[in-house]
Amino acid sequence: MVLLIALIALSAWAAIATVVELRRDGYRRTPTDWSRVTGRDVHQDAQSTHVYR
């Protein structure tokens, strides 16, 4: 029973630490700047054809 309580406590601590570190990380979703991507025209529209390579 003591081992089960210790395992649950360790799991909870790890989950909380993970959430805290992810918030501190500074990672945020940012939109892609297509002008910096090589080999792609910014004004190019997607084509609805199948491409076989």
PDB file of N, CA and C in Angstrom:
ATOM      1  N   MET A   1       0.830  -1.192   0.000  1.00  0.00           N
ATOM      2  CA  MET A   1       0.000   0.000   0.000  1.00  0.00           C
ATOM      3  C   MET A   1       0.876   1.257   0.000  1.00  0.00           C
ATOM      4  N   VAL A   2       1.963   1.214   0.744  1.00  0.00           N
ATOM      5  CA  VAL A   2       2.868   2.367   0.799  1.00  0.00           C
ATOM      6  C   VAL A   2       3.486   2.615  -0.570  1.00  0.00           C
ATOM      7  N   LEU A   3       3.851   1.533  -1.259  1.00  0.00           N
ATOM      8  CA  LEU A   3       4.426   1.682  -2.599  1.00  0.00           C
ATOM      9  C   LEU A   3       3.412   2.273  -3.579  1.00  0.00           C
ATOM     10  N   LEU A   4       2.158   1.897  -3.458  1.00  0.00           N
ATOM     11  CA  LEU A   4       1.114   2.435  -4.325  1.00  0.00           C
ATOM     12  C   LEU A   4       0.930   3.935  -4.086  1.00  0.00           C
ATOM     13  N   ILE A   5       0.926   4.344  -2.843  1.00  0.00           N
ATOM     14  CA  ILE A   5       0.798   5.769  -2.516  1.00  0.00           C
ATOM     15  C   ILE A   5       2.017   6.536  -3.025  1.00  0.00           C
ATOM     16  N   ALA A   6       3.207   5.966  -2.867  1.00  0.00           N
ATOM     17  CA  ALA A   6       4.416   6.619  -3.355  1.00  0.00           C
ATOM     18  C   ALA A   6       4.394   6.743  -4.882  1.00  0.00           C
ATOM     19  N   LEU A   7       3.920   5.718  -5.565  1.00  0.00           N
ATOM     20  CA  LEU A   7       3.843   5.751  -7.020  1.00  0.00           C
ATOM     21  C   LEU A   7       2.840   6.794  -7.495  1.00  0.00           C
ATOM     22  N   ILE A   8       1.706   6.883  -6.838  1.00  0.00           N
ATOM     23  CA  ILE A   8       0.699   7.893  -7.192  1.00  0.00           C
ATOM     24  C   ILE A   8       1.240   9.299  -6.935  1.00  0.00           C
ATOM     25  N   ALA A   9       1.922   9.485  -5.819  1.00  0.00           N
ATOM     26  CA  ALA A   9       2.499  10.795  -5.509  1.00  0.00           C
ATOM     27  C   ALA A   9       3.574  11.176  -6.519  1.00  0.00           C
ATOM     28  N   LEU A  10       4.408  10.227  -6.891  1.00  0.00           N
ATOM     29  CA  LEU A  10       5.453  10.488  -7.880  1.00  0.00           C
ATOM     30  C   LEU A  10       4.847  10.815  -9.240  1.00  0.00           C
ATOM     31  N   SER A  11       3.803  10.116  -9.625  1.00  0.00           N
ATOM     32  CA  SER A  11       3.130  10.386 -10.899  1.00  0.00           C
ATOM     33  C   SER A  11       2.493  11.769 -10.908  1.00  0.00           C
ATOM     34  N   ALA A  12       1.848  12.136  -9.813  1.00  0.00           N
ATOM     35  CA  ALA A  12       1.231  13.464  -9.725  1.00  0.00           C
ATOM     36  C   ALA A  12       2.296  14.545  -9.771  1.00  0.00           C
ATOM     37  N   TRP A  13       3.397  14.352  -9.069  1.00  0.00           N
ATOM     38  CA  TRP A  13       4.487  15.332  -9.078  1.00  0.00           C
ATOM     39  C   TRP A  13       5.057  15.493 -10.487  1.00  0.00           C
ATOM     40  N   ALA A  14       5.230  14.389 -11.199  1.00  0.00           N
ATOM     41  CA  ALA A  14       5.772  14.442 -12.557  1.00  0.00           C
ATOM     42  C   ALA A  14       4.818  15.162 -13.501  1.00  0.00           C
ATOM     43  N   ALA A  15       3.526  14.909 -13.374  1.00  0.00           N
ATOM     44  CA  ALA A  15       2.545  15.568 -14.242  1.00  0.00           C
ATOM     45  C   ALA A  15       2.510  17.074 -13.986  1.00  0.00           C
ATOM     46  N   ILE A  16       2.538  17.465 -12.720  1.00  0.00           N
ATOM     47  CA  ILE A  16       2.526  18.894 -12.379  1.00  0.00           C
ATOM     48  C   ILE A  16       3.806  19.567 -12.836  1.00  0.00           C
ATOM     49  N   ALA A  17       4.945  18.914 -12.650  1.00  0.00           N
ATOM     50  CA  ALA A  17       6.224  19.484 -13.083  1.00  0.00           C
ATOM     51  C   ALA A  17       6.264  19.639 -14.597  1.00  0.00           C
ATOM     52  N   THR A  18       5.688  18.692 -15.317  1.00  0.00           N
ATOM     53  CA  THR A  18       5.652  18.786 -16.773  1.00  0.00           C
ATOM     54  C   THR A  18       4.832  19.981 -17.221  1.00  0.00           C
ATOM     55  N   VAL A  19       3.673  20.186 -16.624  1.00  0.00           N
ATOM     56  CA  VAL A  19       2.821  21.319 -16.986  1.00  0.00           C
ATOM     57  C   VAL A  19       3.523  22.637 -16.671  1.00  0.00           C
ATOM     58  N   VAL A  20       4.160  22.719 -15.522  1.00  0.00           N
ATOM     59  CA  VAL A  20       4.864  23.945 -15.134  1.00  0.00           C
ATOM     60  C   VAL A  20       6.001  24.241 -16.104  1.00  0.00           C
ATOM     61  N   GLU A  21       6.778  23.241 -16.456  1.00  0.00           N
ATOM     62  CA  GLU A  21       7.902  23.458 -17.374  1.00  0.00           C
ATOM     63  C   GLU A  21       7.429  23.823 -18.768  1.00  0.00           C
ATOM     64  N   LEU A  22       6.334  23.248 -19.230  1.00  0.00           N
ATOM     65  CA  LEU A  22       5.812  23.612 -20.544  1.00  0.00           C
ATOM     66  C   LEU A  22       5.317  25.051 -20.565  1.00  0.00           C
ATOM     67  N   ARG A  23       4.750  25.509 -19.464  1.00  0.00           N
ATOM     68  CA  ARG A  23       4.300  26.904 -19.408  1.00  0.00           C
ATOM     69  C   ARG A  23       5.482  27.863 -19.368  1.00  0.00           C
ATOM     70  N   ARG A  24       6.571  27.467 -18.726  1.00  0.00           N
ATOM     71  CA  ARG A  24       7.769  28.299 -18.620  1.00  0.00           C
ATOM     72  C   ARG A  24       8.616  28.285 -19.885  1.00  0.00           C
ATOM     73  N   ASP A  25       8.395  27.312 -20.730  1.00  0.00           N
ATOM     74  CA  ASP A  25       9.230  27.083 -21.902  1.00  0.00           C
ATOM     75  C   ASP A  25       9.199  28.251 -22.879  1.00  0.00           C
ATOM     76  N   GLY A  26       8.082  28.924 -22.991  1.00  0.00           N
ATOM     77  CA  GLY A  26       7.968  30.015 -23.940  1.00  0.00           C
ATOM     78  C   GLY A  26       7.566  29.545 -25.320  1.00  0.00           C
ATOM     79  N   TYR A  27       7.304  28.263 -25.491  1.00  0.00           N
ATOM     80  CA  TYR A  27       6.889  27.741 -26.789  1.00  0.00           C
ATOM     81  C   TYR A  27       5.466  28.182 -27.066  1.00  0.00           C
ATOM     82  N   ARG A  28       5.300  28.814 -28.191  1.00  0.00           N
ATOM     83  CA  ARG A  28       3.961  29.216 -28.617  1.00  0.00           C
ATOM     84  C   ARG A  28       3.819  28.861 -30.081  1.00  0.00           C
ATOM     85  N   ARG A  29       2.627  28.529 -30.478  1.00  0.00           N
ATOM     86  CA  ARG A  29       2.378  28.256 -31.881  1.00  0.00           C
ATOM     87  C   ARG A  29       2.467  29.560 -32.655  1.00  0.00           C
ATOM     88  N   THR A  30       3.243  29.558 -33.707  1.00  0.00           N
ATOM     89  CA  THR A  30       3.381  30.736 -34.546  1.00  0.00           C
ATOM     90  C   THR A  30       3.051  30.356 -35.979  1.00  0.00           C
ATOM     91  N   PRO A  31       2.400  31.250 -36.698  1.00  0.00           N
ATOM     92  CA  PRO A  31       2.074  30.934 -38.086  1.00  0.00           C
ATOM     93  C   PRO A  31       3.337  30.858 -38.941  1.00  0.00           C
ATOM     94  N   THR A  32       3.287  30.055 -39.970  1.00  0.00           N
ATOM     95  CA  THR A  32       4.431  29.888 -40.869  1.00  0.00           C
ATOM     96  C   THR A  32       4.586  31.125 -41.743  1.00  0.00           C
ATOM     97  N   ASP A  33       5.805  31.620 -41.827  1.00  0.00           N
ATOM     98  CA  ASP A  33       6.106  32.733 -42.722  1.00  0.00           C
ATOM     99  C   ASP A  33       6.520  32.133 -44.059  1.00  0.00           C
ATOM    100  N   TRP A  34       5.572  32.062 -44.992  1.00  0.00           N
ATOM    101  CA  TRP A  34       5.812  31.374 -46.256  1.00  0.00           C
ATOM    102  C   TRP A  34       6.855  32.090 -47.111  1.00  0.00           C
ATOM    103  N   SER A  35       7.149  33.343 -46.817  1.00  0.00           N
ATOM    104  CA  SER A  35       8.162  34.040 -47.608  1.00  0.00           C
ATOM    105  C   SER A  35       9.563  33.534 -47.266  1.00  0.00           C
ATOM    106  N   ARG A  36       9.732  32.873 -46.140  1.00  0.00           N
ATOM    107  CA  ARG A  36      11.045  32.364 -45.743  1.00  0.00           C
ATOM    108  C   ARG A  36      11.248  30.901 -46.117  1.00  0.00           C
ATOM    109  N   VAL A  37      10.201  30.243 -46.598  1.00  0.00           N
ATOM    110  CA  VAL A  37      10.300  28.850 -46.986  1.00  0.00           C
ATOM    111  C   VAL A  37      10.836  28.784 -48.413  1.00  0.00           C
ATOM    112  N   THR A  38      11.911  28.031 -48.616  1.00  0.00           N
ATOM    113  CA  THR A  38      12.517  27.976 -49.943  1.00  0.00           C
ATOM    114  C   THR A  38      11.716  27.067 -50.865  1.00  0.00           C
ATOM    115  N   GLY A  39      11.728  27.419 -52.132  1.00  0.00           N
ATOM    116  CA  GLY A  39      11.086  26.588 -53.135  1.00  0.00           C
ATOM    117  C   GLY A  39       9.594  26.711 -53.181  1.00  0.00           C
ATOM    118  N   ARG A  40       9.026  27.754 -52.628  1.00  0.00           N
ATOM    119  CA  ARG A  40       7.580  27.918 -52.654  1.00  0.00           C
ATOM    120  C   ARG A  40       7.248  29.361 -52.990  1.00  0.00           C
ATOM    121  N   ASP A  41       6.334  29.519 -53.927  1.00  0.00           N
ATOM    122  CA  ASP A  41       5.857  30.842 -54.292  1.00  0.00           C
ATOM    123  C   ASP A  41       4.771  31.233 -53.288  1.00  0.00           C
ATOM    124  N   VAL A  42       4.848  32.429 -52.772  1.00  0.00           N
ATOM    125  CA  VAL A  42       3.911  32.857 -51.733  1.00  0.00           C
ATOM    126  C   VAL A  42       2.484  32.904 -52.262  1.00  0.00           C
ATOM    127  N   HIS A  43       2.327  33.273 -53.515  1.00  0.00           N
ATOM    128  CA  HIS A  43       0.984  33.442 -54.082  1.00  0.00           C
ATOM    129  C   HIS A  43       0.506  32.204 -54.832  1.00  0.00           C
ATOM    130  N   GLN A  44       1.204  31.108 -54.673  1.00  0.00           N
ATOM    131  CA  GLN A  44       0.844  29.880 -55.368  1.00  0.00           C
ATOM    132  C   GLN A  44      -0.363  29.250 -54.685  1.00  0.00           C
ATOM    133  N   ASP A  45      -1.354  28.899 -55.476  1.00  0.00           N
ATOM    134  CA  ASP A  45      -2.548  28.249 -54.941  1.00  0.00           C
ATOM    135  C   ASP A  45      -2.362  26.742 -54.989  1.00  0.00           C
ATOM    136  N   ALA A  46      -3.022  26.061 -54.099  1.00  0.00           N
ATOM    137  CA  ALA A  46      -2.952  24.600 -54.095  1.00  0.00           C
ATOM    138  C   ALA A  46      -3.695  24.056 -55.296  1.00  0.00           C
ATOM    139  N   GLN A  47      -3.157  23.034 -55.897  1.00  0.00           N
ATOM    140  CA  GLN A  47      -3.800  22.418 -57.043  1.00  0.00           C
ATOM    141  C   GLN A  47      -4.501  21.153 -56.572  1.00  0.00           C
ATOM    142  N   SER A  48      -5.616  20.847 -57.215  1.00  0.00           N
ATOM    143  CA  SER A  48      -6.412  19.703 -56.779  1.00  0.00           C
ATOM    144  C   SER A  48      -6.121  18.458 -57.622  1.00  0.00           C
ATOM    145  N   THR A  49      -4.964  18.379 -58.261  1.00  0.00           N
ATOM    146  CA  THR A  49      -4.635  17.213 -59.071  1.00  0.00           C
ATOM    147  C   THR A  49      -3.785  16.245 -58.259  1.00  0.00           C
ATOM    148  N   HIS A  50      -3.760  15.005 -58.723  1.00  0.00           N
ATOM    149  CA  HIS A  50      -2.937  13.988 -58.075  1.00  0.00           C
ATOM    150  C   HIS A  50      -1.542  14.016 -58.692  1.00  0.00           C
ATOM    151  N   VAL A  51      -0.553  13.912 -57.876  1.00  0.00           N
ATOM    152  CA  VAL A  51       0.818  13.891 -58.357  1.00  0.00           C
ATOM    153  C   VAL A  51       1.416  12.538 -58.004  1.00  0.00           C
ATOM    154  N   TYR A  52       1.941  11.870 -59.022  1.00  0.00           N
ATOM    155  CA  TYR A  52       2.588  10.579 -58.804  1.00  0.00           C
ATOM    156  C   TYR A  52       4.069  10.746 -59.046  1.00  0.00           C
ATOM    157  N   ARG A  53       4.864  10.325 -58.102  1.00  0.00           N
ATOM    158  CA  ARG A  53       6.307  10.452 -58.236  1.00  0.00           C
ATOM    159  C   ARG A  53       6.946   9.108 -58.385  1.00  0.00           C
TER     160      ARG A  53
END
